[in-house]
């Protein structure tokens, strides 16, 4: 059985999604760098450490990797870079000799608090201000369905 090619509407939707994702990420990365000196990877980790999923602004390294869909080595290298800048600290897990925690520092909290308003403003300007609310709801449903499929096939 051969796989059917994408139809014209599917191609347009898929290619548009790929381009929007790439260009929006590039714009967000540039804005974060210019406004706060943070990379998009820095911001992603800081968001995870300040989310309600992180207890006491702390998370296990493997949890960060799972949440961000990053390889273990990518998480480790990124945390090392952020540690050098004082945004996070790594501490060993007492229950697991090979495991460690990543803790948000005061400097890391200050960095995300300073960067977040401009980040949200850009996301709103580039995305939500041009998408009708009904389509935002539809997109939320679509992303939920695709994420459920990804979870089911992992």
C-alpha atoms as a PDB file:
ATOM      1  CA  UNK A   1       0.000   0.000   0.000  1.00  0.00           C
ATOM      2  CA  UNK A   2       1.446   3.361  -0.976  1.00  0.00           C
ATOM      3  CA  UNK A   3       1.029   6.517   1.045  1.00  0.00           C
ATOM      4  CA  UNK A   4      -1.277   9.033  -0.651  1.00  0.00           C
ATOM      5  CA  UNK A   5       0.331  12.384  -1.415  1.00  0.00           C
ATOM      6  CA  UNK A   6      -0.966  15.477   0.307  1.00  0.00           C
ATOM      7  CA  UNK A   7      -3.708  17.200  -1.600  1.00  0.00           C
ATOM      8  CA  UNK A   8      -3.407  20.891  -2.572  1.00  0.00           C
ATOM      9  CA  UNK A   9      -5.248  22.126   0.548  1.00  0.00           C
ATOM     10  CA  UNK A  10      -3.212  19.838   2.787  1.00  0.00           C
ATOM     11  CA  UNK A  11       0.055  20.980   1.156  1.00  0.00           C
ATOM     12  CA  UNK A  12      -0.895  24.629   1.550  1.00  0.00           C
ATOM     13  CA  UNK A  13      -1.832  24.108   5.219  1.00  0.00           C
ATOM     14  CA  UNK A  14       1.264  22.034   6.027  1.00  0.00           C
ATOM     15  CA  UNK A  15       3.737  24.272   4.221  1.00  0.00           C
ATOM     16  CA  UNK A  16       2.129  27.337   5.778  1.00  0.00           C
ATOM     17  CA  UNK A  17       2.400  25.808   9.248  1.00  0.00           C
ATOM     18  CA  UNK A  18       6.075  24.914   8.707  1.00  0.00           C
ATOM     19  CA  UNK A  19       6.893  28.423   7.472  1.00  0.00           C
ATOM     20  CA  UNK A  20       4.908  30.175  10.232  1.00  0.00           C
ATOM     21  CA  UNK A  21       6.604  28.035  12.873  1.00  0.00           C
ATOM     22  CA  UNK A  22      10.101  28.728  11.509  1.00  0.00           C
ATOM     23  CA  UNK A  23       9.617  32.447  10.960  1.00  0.00           C
ATOM     24  CA  UNK A  24       7.781  33.081  14.231  1.00  0.00           C
ATOM     25  CA  UNK A  25      10.455  31.213  16.200  1.00  0.00           C
ATOM     26  CA  UNK A  26      13.178  33.200  14.433  1.00  0.00           C
ATOM     27  CA  UNK A  27      11.403  36.506  15.170  1.00  0.00           C
ATOM     28  CA  UNK A  28      10.825  35.571  18.813  1.00  0.00           C
ATOM     29  CA  UNK A  29      14.457  34.500  19.183  1.00  0.00           C
ATOM     30  CA  UNK A  30      15.726  37.807  17.727  1.00  0.00           C
ATOM     31  CA  UNK A  31      13.387  39.834  19.930  1.00  0.00           C
ATOM     32  CA  UNK A  32      14.412  37.966  23.080  1.00  0.00           C
ATOM     33  CA  UNK A  33      18.114  38.361  22.263  1.00  0.00           C
ATOM     34  CA  UNK A  34      17.818  42.076  21.515  1.00  0.00           C
ATOM     35  CA  UNK A  35      15.536  42.944  24.430  1.00  0.00           C
ATOM     36  CA  UNK A  36      16.875  40.709  27.186  1.00  0.00           C
ATOM     37  CA  UNK A  37      19.938  38.777  26.059  1.00  0.00           C
ATOM     38  CA  UNK A  38      18.013  35.523  26.462  1.00  0.00           C
ATOM     39  CA  UNK A  39      17.894  32.872  23.774  1.00  0.00           C
ATOM     40  CA  UNK A  40      14.675  31.084  22.916  1.00  0.00           C
ATOM     41  CA  UNK A  41      16.155  27.988  24.628  1.00  0.00           C
ATOM     42  CA  UNK A  42      16.897  30.036  27.770  1.00  0.00           C
ATOM     43  CA  UNK A  43      13.344  31.334  27.752  1.00  0.00           C
ATOM     44  CA  UNK A  44      11.869  27.855  27.276  1.00  0.00           C
ATOM     45  CA  UNK A  45      13.683  26.519  30.335  1.00  0.00           C
ATOM     46  CA  UNK A  46      12.838  29.585  32.418  1.00  0.00           C
ATOM     47  CA  UNK A  47       9.170  29.190  31.473  1.00  0.00           C
ATOM     48  CA  UNK A  48       9.232  25.561  32.611  1.00  0.00           C
ATOM     49  CA  UNK A  49      10.887  26.502  35.901  1.00  0.00           C
ATOM     50  CA  UNK A  50       8.278  29.189  36.573  1.00  0.00           C
ATOM     51  CA  UNK A  51       5.253  27.129  35.491  1.00  0.00           C
ATOM     52  CA  UNK A  52       2.873  25.530  37.908  1.00  0.00           C
ATOM     53  CA  UNK A  53       4.419  22.142  37.018  1.00  0.00           C
ATOM     54  CA  UNK A  54       7.714  23.149  38.662  1.00  0.00           C
ATOM     55  CA  UNK A  55       7.560  22.878  42.410  1.00  0.00           C
ATOM     56  CA  UNK A  56       9.568  25.591  44.152  1.00  0.00           C
ATOM     57  CA  UNK A  57      11.021  26.788  40.806  1.00  0.00           C
ATOM     58  CA  UNK A  58      12.819  23.472  40.424  1.00  0.00           C
ATOM     59  CA  UNK A  59      12.616  20.529  38.028  1.00  0.00           C
ATOM     60  CA  UNK A  60      14.476  17.322  37.368  1.00  0.00           C
ATOM     61  CA  UNK A  61      16.701  17.428  34.291  1.00  0.00           C
ATOM     62  CA  UNK A  62      14.834  14.550  32.667  1.00  0.00           C
ATOM     63  CA  UNK A  63      11.506  16.343  33.269  1.00  0.00           C
ATOM     64  CA  UNK A  64      12.764  19.428  31.444  1.00  0.00           C
ATOM     65  CA  UNK A  65      13.817  17.224  28.541  1.00  0.00           C
ATOM     66  CA  UNK A  66      10.432  15.537  28.395  1.00  0.00           C
ATOM     67  CA  UNK A  67       8.460  18.781  28.618  1.00  0.00           C
ATOM     68  CA  UNK A  68      10.551  20.480  25.935  1.00  0.00           C
ATOM     69  CA  UNK A  69      10.953  17.341  23.770  1.00  0.00           C
ATOM     70  CA  UNK A  70      14.749  17.793  23.914  1.00  0.00           C
ATOM     71  CA  UNK A  71      17.462  15.185  24.028  1.00  0.00           C
ATOM     72  CA  UNK A  72      19.246  14.703  27.338  1.00  0.00           C
ATOM     73  CA  UNK A  73      22.478  16.199  25.971  1.00  0.00           C
ATOM     74  CA  UNK A  74      20.702  19.326  24.713  1.00  0.00           C
ATOM     75  CA  UNK A  75      19.140  19.947  28.120  1.00  0.00           C
ATOM     76  CA  UNK A  76      22.472  19.401  29.852  1.00  0.00           C
ATOM     77  CA  UNK A  77      24.375  21.768  27.533  1.00  0.00           C
ATOM     78  CA  UNK A  78      21.703  24.449  27.784  1.00  0.00           C
ATOM     79  CA  UNK A  79      21.579  24.235  31.574  1.00  0.00           C
ATOM     80  CA  UNK A  80      25.386  24.456  31.681  1.00  0.00           C
ATOM     81  CA  UNK A  81      25.268  27.671  29.596  1.00  0.00           C
ATOM     82  CA  UNK A  82      22.550  29.108  31.824  1.00  0.00           C
ATOM     83  CA  UNK A  83      24.447  28.144  34.980  1.00  0.00           C
ATOM     84  CA  UNK A  84      27.483  30.059  33.737  1.00  0.00           C
ATOM     85  CA  UNK A  85      25.279  33.159  33.479  1.00  0.00           C
ATOM     86  CA  UNK A  86      23.725  32.651  36.915  1.00  0.00           C
ATOM     87  CA  UNK A  87      20.183  31.988  35.658  1.00  0.00           C
ATOM     88  CA  UNK A  88      19.929  28.496  37.142  1.00  0.00           C
ATOM     89  CA  UNK A  89      21.858  26.167  39.418  1.00  0.00           C
ATOM     90  CA  UNK A  90      22.117  22.420  39.203  1.00  0.00           C
ATOM     91  CA  UNK A  91      21.991  20.246  42.310  1.00  0.00           C
ATOM     92  CA  UNK A  92      22.289  16.527  42.737  1.00  0.00           C
ATOM     93  CA  UNK A  93      19.236  14.436  43.469  1.00  0.00           C
ATOM     94  CA  UNK A  94      19.589  12.692  46.829  1.00  0.00           C
ATOM     95  CA  UNK A  95      17.414   9.751  45.667  1.00  0.00           C
ATOM     96  CA  UNK A  96      19.185   9.178  42.339  1.00  0.00           C
ATOM     97  CA  UNK A  97      22.990   9.361  42.070  1.00  0.00           C
ATOM     98  CA  UNK A  98      22.817  10.032  38.330  1.00  0.00           C
ATOM     99  CA  UNK A  99      19.942  12.494  38.515  1.00  0.00           C
ATOM    100  CA  UNK A 100      19.947  16.185  39.182  1.00  0.00           C
ATOM    101  CA  UNK A 101      17.621  19.106  39.699  1.00  0.00           C
ATOM    102  CA  UNK A 102      17.681  22.471  37.979  1.00  0.00           C
ATOM    103  CA  UNK A 103      16.759  25.343  40.272  1.00  0.00           C
ATOM    104  CA  UNK A 104      15.788  28.838  39.204  1.00  0.00           C
ATOM    105  CA  UNK A 105      17.972  31.563  40.718  1.00  0.00           C
ATOM    106  CA  UNK A 106      16.898  35.077  41.645  1.00  0.00           C
ATOM    107  CA  UNK A 107      18.721  36.266  38.512  1.00  0.00           C
ATOM    108  CA  UNK A 108      16.798  33.735  36.403  1.00  0.00           C
ATOM    109  CA  UNK A 109      13.478  34.867  37.855  1.00  0.00           C
ATOM    110  CA  UNK A 110      14.406  38.510  37.228  1.00  0.00           C
ATOM    111  CA  UNK A 111      15.418  37.663  33.647  1.00  0.00           C
ATOM    112  CA  UNK A 112      12.116  35.995  32.751  1.00  0.00           C
ATOM    113  CA  UNK A 113      10.074  38.664  34.527  1.00  0.00           C
ATOM    114  CA  UNK A 114      11.910  41.324  32.511  1.00  0.00           C
ATOM    115  CA  UNK A 115      11.633  39.437  29.202  1.00  0.00           C
ATOM    116  CA  UNK A 116       8.034  38.196  29.441  1.00  0.00           C
ATOM    117  CA  UNK A 117       6.122  41.437  28.748  1.00  0.00           C
ATOM    118  CA  UNK A 118       7.916  42.118  25.445  1.00  0.00           C
ATOM    119  CA  UNK A 119       7.667  38.446  24.496  1.00  0.00           C
ATOM    120  CA  UNK A 120       3.910  38.374  25.104  1.00  0.00           C
ATOM    121  CA  UNK A 121       3.515  41.662  23.224  1.00  0.00           C
ATOM    122  CA  UNK A 122       5.308  40.206  20.183  1.00  0.00           C
ATOM    123  CA  UNK A 123       3.299  36.959  20.259  1.00  0.00           C
ATOM    124  CA  UNK A 124       0.100  38.980  20.464  1.00  0.00           C
ATOM    125  CA  UNK A 125       1.134  41.341  17.626  1.00  0.00           C
ATOM    126  CA  UNK A 126       2.397  38.617  15.280  1.00  0.00           C
ATOM    127  CA  UNK A 127      -0.225  35.984  16.009  1.00  0.00           C
ATOM    128  CA  UNK A 128      -3.294  36.709  18.101  1.00  0.00           C
ATOM    129  CA  UNK A 129      -4.001  40.195  16.738  1.00  0.00           C
ATOM    130  CA  UNK A 130      -4.389  38.777  13.215  1.00  0.00           C
ATOM    131  CA  UNK A 131      -6.285  35.582  14.058  1.00  0.00           C
ATOM    132  CA  UNK A 132     -10.010  35.807  14.853  1.00  0.00           C
ATOM    133  CA  UNK A 133     -10.976  34.398  18.255  1.00  0.00           C
ATOM    134  CA  UNK A 134     -13.032  31.577  16.682  1.00  0.00           C
ATOM    135  CA  UNK A 135      -9.907  30.462  14.806  1.00  0.00           C
ATOM    136  CA  UNK A 136      -7.868  30.614  18.024  1.00  0.00           C
ATOM    137  CA  UNK A 137     -10.378  28.211  19.575  1.00  0.00           C
ATOM    138  CA  UNK A 138     -10.208  25.992  16.482  1.00  0.00           C
ATOM    139  CA  UNK A 139      -6.405  26.049  16.590  1.00  0.00           C
ATOM    140  CA  UNK A 140      -6.454  25.103  20.273  1.00  0.00           C
ATOM    141  CA  UNK A 141      -8.655  22.116  19.402  1.00  0.00           C
ATOM    142  CA  UNK A 142      -6.394  21.156  16.489  1.00  0.00           C
ATOM    143  CA  UNK A 143      -3.199  21.318  18.529  1.00  0.00           C
ATOM    144  CA  UNK A 144      -4.845  19.310  21.316  1.00  0.00           C
ATOM    145  CA  UNK A 145      -5.810  16.596  18.815  1.00  0.00           C
ATOM    146  CA  UNK A 146      -2.362  16.459  17.223  1.00  0.00           C
ATOM    147  CA  UNK A 147      -0.644  16.387  20.627  1.00  0.00           C
ATOM    148  CA  UNK A 148      -2.934  13.541  21.717  1.00  0.00           C
ATOM    149  CA  UNK A 149      -1.975  11.604  18.581  1.00  0.00           C
ATOM    150  CA  UNK A 150       1.708  12.234  19.244  1.00  0.00           C
ATOM    151  CA  UNK A 151       1.313  11.078  22.855  1.00  0.00           C
ATOM    152  CA  UNK A 152      -0.512   7.945  21.722  1.00  0.00           C
ATOM    153  CA  UNK A 153       2.208   7.024  19.231  1.00  0.00           C
ATOM    154  CA  UNK A 154       5.246   7.756  21.429  1.00  0.00           C
END
